[in-house]
């Protein structure tokens, strides 16, 4: 089944994710996720890019229930945006995108606090998966920053943009 995950921030050589469902993150669960990721990589699924109006992006992300992205594009000043799709899943990505999933095979998944770290190679060693060195103080500070923002009802960049535009900051 599809599971909603939330990317929070980068930490050391990885990215910290949580799962928005009542799923226990066990070694077995991570092995299942990794198997599915590697299956998709082996299929060499293409990323499809299309350029659409910002207004259409608002509608698409609303329809997909991606309300944080909908809010982001409601405050975006440019008139066009690149949207990528992979096997029926649509999303926005800022930056360069690989042609297909074949190039995404270097990663490692680790349980970390209440979530998952996806460790990625570094730019200077793209064929190696580095060791993950937890930075607990930085991790706790980033979590505290997210909690502060949510308490201020600024749970995503779109909400922050709206707050600034309305004179709230």
Protein backbone atom coordinates (compact mmCIF):
# COMPACT_ATOMS: atom_id res chain seq x y z
CA UNK A 1 0.00 0.00 0.00
CA UNK A 2 0.98 3.63 -0.47
CA UNK A 3 2.31 5.19 2.70
CA UNK A 4 2.53 8.96 3.18
CA UNK A 5 6.02 9.98 4.20
CA UNK A 6 7.27 13.43 5.21
CA UNK A 7 10.76 14.66 4.40
CA UNK A 8 11.81 16.91 7.27
CA UNK A 9 15.43 17.93 6.75
CA UNK A 10 18.91 16.72 5.91
CA UNK A 11 21.18 15.50 8.66
CA UNK A 12 24.82 14.49 8.06
CA UNK A 13 24.83 12.46 4.79
CA UNK A 14 21.13 11.63 4.83
CA UNK A 15 17.58 12.86 4.87
CA UNK A 16 15.22 12.41 7.81
CA UNK A 17 11.70 11.14 7.04
CA UNK A 18 8.73 10.22 9.16
CA UNK A 19 5.66 8.21 8.25
CA UNK A 20 2.21 9.75 8.66
CA UNK A 21 0.53 6.47 9.49
CA UNK A 22 0.47 4.06 12.39
CA UNK A 23 3.30 1.86 11.14
CA UNK A 24 6.06 0.54 13.32
CA UNK A 25 9.40 1.15 11.66
CA UNK A 26 11.19 -2.15 12.06
CA UNK A 27 14.15 -3.67 10.24
CA UNK A 28 11.66 -5.88 8.38
CA UNK A 29 9.59 -2.85 7.32
CA UNK A 30 12.72 -1.06 6.05
CA UNK A 31 13.80 -4.20 4.17
CA UNK A 32 10.37 -4.28 2.47
CA UNK A 33 10.64 -0.59 1.54
CA UNK A 34 14.15 -1.06 0.19
CA UNK A 35 13.06 -4.09 -1.88
CA UNK A 36 10.28 -2.02 -3.45
CA UNK A 37 12.64 0.89 -4.11
CA UNK A 38 15.17 -1.45 -5.76
CA UNK A 39 12.38 -3.04 -7.84
CA UNK A 40 11.42 0.39 -9.16
CA UNK A 41 15.08 1.21 -9.84
CA UNK A 42 15.47 -2.02 -11.84
CA UNK A 43 12.51 -1.08 -14.04
CA UNK A 44 14.33 2.08 -15.21
CA UNK A 45 11.10 4.03 -14.90
CA UNK A 46 11.31 7.39 -16.68
CA UNK A 47 10.77 10.71 -14.96
CA UNK A 48 8.46 12.80 -17.12
CA UNK A 49 8.82 16.56 -16.96
CA UNK A 50 6.15 18.98 -18.00
CA UNK A 51 5.99 22.73 -17.65
CA UNK A 52 2.59 24.02 -16.56
CA UNK A 53 1.11 27.25 -15.28
CA UNK A 54 1.46 27.95 -11.59
CA UNK A 55 -2.34 28.04 -11.38
CA UNK A 56 -2.54 24.52 -12.81
CA UNK A 57 0.11 23.41 -10.29
CA UNK A 58 -2.11 24.72 -7.47
CA UNK A 59 -5.01 22.64 -8.82
CA UNK A 60 -2.89 19.51 -9.32
CA UNK A 61 -1.41 19.58 -5.82
CA UNK A 62 -4.83 20.26 -4.28
CA UNK A 63 -6.26 17.28 -6.17
CA UNK A 64 -3.40 15.07 -4.92
CA UNK A 65 -3.94 16.25 -1.32
CA UNK A 66 -0.50 17.87 -1.27
CA UNK A 67 -1.77 20.95 0.51
CA UNK A 68 1.69 22.18 1.52
CA UNK A 69 2.67 22.38 -2.17
CA UNK A 70 -0.67 23.96 -3.03
CA UNK A 71 0.04 26.70 -0.47
CA UNK A 72 3.56 27.13 -1.80
CA UNK A 73 2.39 27.72 -5.36
CA UNK A 74 -0.38 30.09 -4.29
CA UNK A 75 2.41 32.48 -3.24
CA UNK A 76 4.80 31.78 -6.12
CA UNK A 77 5.54 34.81 -8.28
CA UNK A 78 6.56 33.07 -11.52
CA UNK A 79 3.89 32.02 -13.95
CA UNK A 80 5.21 28.55 -14.89
CA UNK A 81 6.53 25.55 -12.96
CA UNK A 82 8.09 22.18 -13.77
CA UNK A 83 6.14 19.17 -12.53
CA UNK A 84 7.60 15.68 -12.70
CA UNK A 85 5.77 12.38 -12.78
CA UNK A 86 6.98 8.87 -12.05
CA UNK A 87 4.72 5.90 -12.59
CA UNK A 88 1.58 8.01 -12.02
CA UNK A 89 2.94 9.99 -9.05
CA UNK A 90 3.29 13.75 -9.62
CA UNK A 91 5.43 16.17 -7.66
CA UNK A 92 7.48 19.32 -7.82
CA UNK A 93 11.25 19.25 -7.64
CA UNK A 94 13.54 22.25 -7.64
CA UNK A 95 16.77 21.41 -9.42
CA UNK A 96 17.99 18.84 -11.86
CA UNK A 97 16.24 15.49 -12.20
CA UNK A 98 17.72 12.26 -13.51
CA UNK A 99 16.18 10.73 -16.65
CA UNK A 100 15.01 7.54 -14.97
CA UNK A 101 15.18 5.47 -11.80
CA UNK A 102 18.25 3.51 -12.98
CA UNK A 103 20.54 6.17 -11.50
CA UNK A 104 19.05 6.10 -8.00
CA UNK A 105 20.47 2.83 -6.68
CA UNK A 106 23.00 4.16 -4.16
CA UNK A 107 21.28 4.61 -0.81
CA UNK A 108 20.84 2.99 2.58
CA UNK A 109 17.82 3.16 4.92
CA UNK A 110 18.30 3.35 8.68
CA UNK A 111 15.88 3.60 11.59
CA UNK A 112 16.49 6.85 13.45
CA UNK A 113 14.44 8.28 16.33
CA UNK A 114 10.79 8.09 15.21
CA UNK A 115 11.63 7.94 11.52
CA UNK A 116 14.02 6.88 8.81
CA UNK A 117 17.30 8.25 7.53
CA UNK A 118 17.99 7.71 3.84
CA UNK A 119 21.77 7.93 3.51
CA UNK A 120 22.92 9.17 0.12
CA UNK A 121 26.32 9.33 -1.60
CA UNK A 122 28.22 12.60 -1.58
CA UNK A 123 28.94 14.62 -4.73
CA UNK A 124 32.63 13.76 -4.64
CA UNK A 125 32.04 10.00 -4.14
CA UNK A 126 28.79 9.16 -6.00
CA UNK A 127 29.45 5.40 -6.01
CA UNK A 128 29.94 5.07 -2.24
CA UNK A 129 27.39 5.15 0.53
CA UNK A 130 29.09 6.93 3.44
CA UNK A 131 28.70 6.08 7.08
CA UNK A 132 25.97 7.99 8.88
CA UNK A 133 27.24 10.00 11.83
CA UNK A 134 24.30 11.20 13.94
CA UNK A 135 24.48 14.82 15.01
CA UNK A 136 22.09 14.71 17.96
CA UNK A 137 22.23 18.39 18.94
CA UNK A 138 21.62 19.52 15.37
CA UNK A 139 18.82 16.95 14.99
CA UNK A 140 17.11 18.12 18.20
CA UNK A 141 17.49 21.77 17.14
CA UNK A 142 15.91 21.08 13.76
CA UNK A 143 13.01 19.24 15.40
CA UNK A 144 12.54 22.14 17.83
CA UNK A 145 12.50 24.55 14.91
CA UNK A 146 9.80 22.53 13.18
CA UNK A 147 7.75 22.40 16.39
CA UNK A 148 8.10 26.18 16.85
CA UNK A 149 6.96 26.80 13.26
CA UNK A 150 3.97 24.48 13.65
CA UNK A 151 2.98 26.22 16.92
CA UNK A 152 3.00 29.49 14.96
CA UNK A 153 0.86 27.74 12.30
CA UNK A 154 3.74 27.89 9.85
CA UNK A 155 3.97 24.19 9.04
CA UNK A 156 5.25 24.69 5.50
CA UNK A 157 6.92 27.30 3.31
CA UNK A 158 3.60 28.26 1.72
CA UNK A 159 2.16 29.19 5.13
CA UNK A 160 5.27 31.21 5.95
CA UNK A 161 5.00 33.03 2.60
CA UNK A 162 1.33 33.83 3.21
CA UNK A 163 2.14 35.09 6.69
CA UNK A 164 4.84 37.40 5.34
CA UNK A 165 2.67 38.63 2.44
CA UNK A 166 -0.19 39.49 4.83
CA UNK A 167 2.16 41.58 6.98
CA UNK A 168 2.42 39.08 9.82
CA UNK A 169 6.21 39.35 9.99
